[in-house]
Protein backbone atom coordinates (compact mmCIF):
# COMPACT_ATOMS: atom_id res chain seq x y z
CA MET A 1 208.93 216.47 108.71
CA PHE A 2 207.58 213.77 106.15
CA LYS A 3 210.33 211.35 106.97
CA PHE A 4 209.70 212.18 110.28
CA LEU A 5 206.21 210.85 109.96
CA VAL A 6 207.01 207.86 108.02
CA LEU A 7 209.80 206.62 110.45
CA PHE A 8 207.20 207.97 113.50
CA SER A 9 204.77 205.73 111.91
CA LEU A 10 206.75 202.61 111.44
CA THR A 11 208.36 202.52 114.87
CA LEU A 12 204.71 202.29 115.86
CA LEU A 13 203.93 199.73 113.20
CA LEU A 14 207.03 197.57 114.86
CA LEU A 15 205.44 198.53 118.29
CA MET A 16 202.75 195.89 117.38
CA LEU A 17 204.90 192.70 117.76
CA PRO A 18 203.60 191.06 120.93
CA GLN A 19 206.61 190.54 122.43
CA LEU A 20 207.28 193.95 121.72
CA SER A 21 203.57 195.53 122.94
CA GLU A 22 203.49 193.26 126.06
CA LEU A 23 207.25 195.14 126.73
CA PHE A 24 205.94 198.59 126.18
CA ARG A 25 201.94 198.74 126.90
CA TRP A 26 200.94 200.83 129.60
CA GLN A 27 199.45 198.77 132.27
CA ALA A 28 199.08 199.89 135.99
CA ASN A 29 199.89 196.64 137.93
CA LEU A 30 203.30 196.78 136.22
CA VAL A 31 204.51 200.64 136.52
CA ASP A 32 203.43 199.76 140.26
CA GLN A 33 206.52 197.13 139.87
CA ASN A 34 208.80 200.13 138.81
CA GLN A 35 208.43 199.44 134.78
CA TRP A 36 208.27 203.30 134.75
CA TRP A 37 209.05 203.32 130.84
CA ARG A 38 205.78 202.00 130.47
CA ILE A 39 204.61 205.49 131.29
CA VAL A 40 206.06 206.80 127.90
CA THR A 41 205.76 203.68 125.70
CA GLY A 42 202.43 203.05 126.66
CA SER A 43 200.76 205.92 123.73
CA PHE A 44 203.16 203.87 121.23
CA THR A 45 201.64 200.67 121.61
CA HIS A 46 197.72 199.83 120.33
CA THR A 47 195.36 196.93 120.19
CA ASN A 48 195.19 196.13 116.37
CA LEU A 49 196.39 197.43 113.53
CA TYR A 50 192.51 198.65 112.85
CA HIS A 51 193.68 200.80 115.86
CA LEU A 52 197.24 202.03 114.86
CA GLY A 53 195.76 203.53 111.47
CA MET A 54 193.30 205.36 113.00
CA ASN A 55 195.54 206.91 115.59
CA LEU A 56 198.89 207.51 112.48
CA VAL A 57 195.70 209.21 110.15
CA GLY A 58 194.76 211.96 113.04
CA TYR A 59 199.01 212.00 113.69
CA TRP A 60 199.84 212.77 109.77
CA LEU A 61 196.84 215.19 109.56
CA LEU A 62 196.92 216.99 112.47
CA ALA A 63 201.12 217.56 111.65
CA TYR A 64 199.85 218.57 108.08
CA LEU A 65 197.00 221.11 108.57
CA PHE A 66 198.36 222.81 111.69
CA HIS A 67 202.42 222.91 109.65
CA ALA A 68 203.84 221.27 112.40
CA ARG A 69 207.81 221.59 112.67
CA TYR A 70 209.24 217.91 113.04
CA LYS A 71 211.43 218.83 115.97
CA ARG A 72 208.20 220.25 118.03
CA TYR A 73 205.97 217.95 116.98
CA ALA A 74 208.25 214.81 118.22
CA VAL A 75 208.82 216.64 121.34
CA GLU A 76 205.86 217.85 122.34
CA THR A 77 204.37 214.17 121.82
CA LEU A 78 206.94 212.87 124.57
CA ILE A 79 205.91 215.46 126.55
CA LEU A 80 202.20 214.52 125.93
CA ALA A 81 202.63 211.05 126.10
CA THR A 82 204.32 211.28 128.94
CA ALA A 83 201.61 213.58 131.00
CA VAL A 84 198.97 211.01 129.71
CA GLY A 85 200.79 208.26 131.11
CA ILE A 86 201.07 209.90 134.30
CA GLY A 87 197.30 211.74 134.41
CA LEU A 88 196.14 207.96 134.07
CA LEU A 89 197.72 206.76 137.51
CA PHE A 90 195.43 208.84 138.88
CA THR A 91 192.45 207.18 137.26
CA SER A 92 191.16 203.84 137.80
CA THR A 93 192.18 202.46 134.24
CA GLN A 94 194.46 199.68 134.32
CA ASN A 95 195.43 199.31 130.89
CA TYR A 96 196.05 201.88 128.32
CA TYR A 97 197.23 201.71 124.58
CA GLY A 98 196.59 204.39 121.90
CA LEU A 99 198.09 207.73 120.60
CA SER A 100 194.33 209.38 121.24
CA GLY A 101 194.98 210.96 124.73
CA ALA A 102 198.36 212.84 122.63
CA LEU A 103 196.29 213.69 119.99
CA HIS A 104 193.95 215.40 122.02
CA GLY A 105 196.90 217.74 123.43
CA LEU A 106 198.34 218.00 119.93
CA PHE A 107 194.93 219.65 118.62
CA ALA A 108 194.73 221.54 121.91
CA VAL A 109 198.29 223.14 121.16
CA TYR A 110 198.17 223.69 117.77
CA ALA A 111 194.61 225.52 118.22
CA THR A 112 195.27 227.25 121.04
CA ARG A 113 198.70 228.36 119.66
CA GLU A 114 196.70 229.96 116.72
CA VAL A 115 194.32 231.95 119.31
CA MET A 116 197.46 233.06 120.41
CA SER A 117 198.42 234.41 117.33
CA GLY A 118 195.32 236.22 116.76
CA LYS A 119 193.50 233.93 114.57
CA ARG A 120 190.09 234.05 115.86
CA SER A 121 188.64 231.14 114.18
CA SER A 122 190.40 229.12 116.09
CA TRP A 123 188.30 229.39 118.89
CA LEU A 124 185.63 227.58 117.30
CA LEU A 125 188.29 224.15 117.12
CA LEU A 126 189.12 224.86 120.79
CA ILE A 127 185.44 224.95 121.79
CA GLY A 128 184.49 222.39 119.50
CA LEU A 129 187.25 220.07 121.63
CA GLY A 130 185.92 221.38 125.04
CA LEU A 131 183.09 220.35 124.00
CA LYS A 132 183.86 217.07 122.48
CA ILE A 133 185.73 216.31 126.06
CA ALA A 134 182.48 217.00 128.15
CA ALA A 135 180.05 215.20 125.73
CA GLU A 136 182.54 211.58 125.99
CA ASN A 137 183.27 211.92 129.56
CA SER A 138 179.78 212.78 130.81
CA GLY A 139 178.16 209.67 129.28
CA MET A 140 176.34 212.15 126.37
CA MET A 141 178.41 211.12 123.65
CA PRO A 142 178.39 206.81 122.21
CA ILE A 143 181.90 205.71 121.85
CA SER A 144 181.23 203.60 118.53
CA SER A 145 185.47 202.90 117.68
CA ALA A 146 185.36 200.74 120.78
CA SER A 147 184.53 197.89 119.36
CA LEU A 148 187.25 198.56 116.01
CA ILE A 149 189.83 198.87 118.88
CA GLY A 150 189.12 196.07 120.80
CA ALA A 151 189.58 197.86 123.90
CA ARG A 152 187.62 200.82 126.03
CA ILE A 153 188.40 204.01 124.34
CA SER A 154 190.19 205.92 127.15
CA THR A 155 187.80 209.44 127.71
CA GLU A 156 190.11 210.21 130.72
CA SER A 157 193.67 210.63 128.51
CA HIS A 158 191.91 212.18 125.60
CA LEU A 159 190.61 214.98 128.81
CA ILE A 160 194.06 214.79 130.49
CA GLY A 161 195.90 215.05 126.75
CA SER A 162 193.77 217.96 126.00
CA LEU A 163 194.58 220.46 129.45
CA VAL A 164 198.52 219.37 128.96
CA GLY A 165 198.46 220.93 125.28
CA LEU A 166 196.04 223.70 126.68
CA ALA A 167 198.81 224.95 128.50
CA ILE A 168 202.25 224.32 126.69
CA PRO A 169 201.87 227.51 124.68
CA PHE A 170 201.36 229.14 128.39
CA ILE A 171 204.27 227.47 129.53
CA GLN A 172 206.41 228.17 127.00
CA ARG A 173 205.29 231.88 126.39
CA SER A 174 206.14 232.33 129.75
CA THR A 175 209.43 231.00 129.74
CA ARG A 176 209.96 232.65 126.64
CA ARG A 177 209.67 236.02 128.76
CA LEU A 178 211.55 234.59 131.18
CA GLY A 179 214.90 233.88 129.33
């Protein structure tokens, strides 16, 4: 896992180069012009080093707190990044940077798996996530890190990532039963 996280972090750092960031960031008008790769790659671009650092700390913490296996973690990151990129097309969002939507999804995936395996205390994690999502999407929660990252916090991406993250363990369980 450590090697994967280092490689992932270095890749995201490389995407901070202005030419690469310009090519890969999520922009609704460019996706509409058939630049479909932006649906996936937008989650891997960031506005500044503070933004990148916050997201990578969260990514590393989730991997270690939930004892994630790197292949599954990588695949689920790609699934969630894609889901967020597609979901944002149905919002008024014009530009999106960052991993936070996928991070919310990963948190939901692993907390849901723990609940499904009988760990009752993980219900508190899901309740906390639900309260956070409700508060930030209702305007009850001030979004203080927006000035630090130099962009609007995409609460829509947090909601999309969380909902898809909640669904993933149930989909996996039902496909295992079919197979």
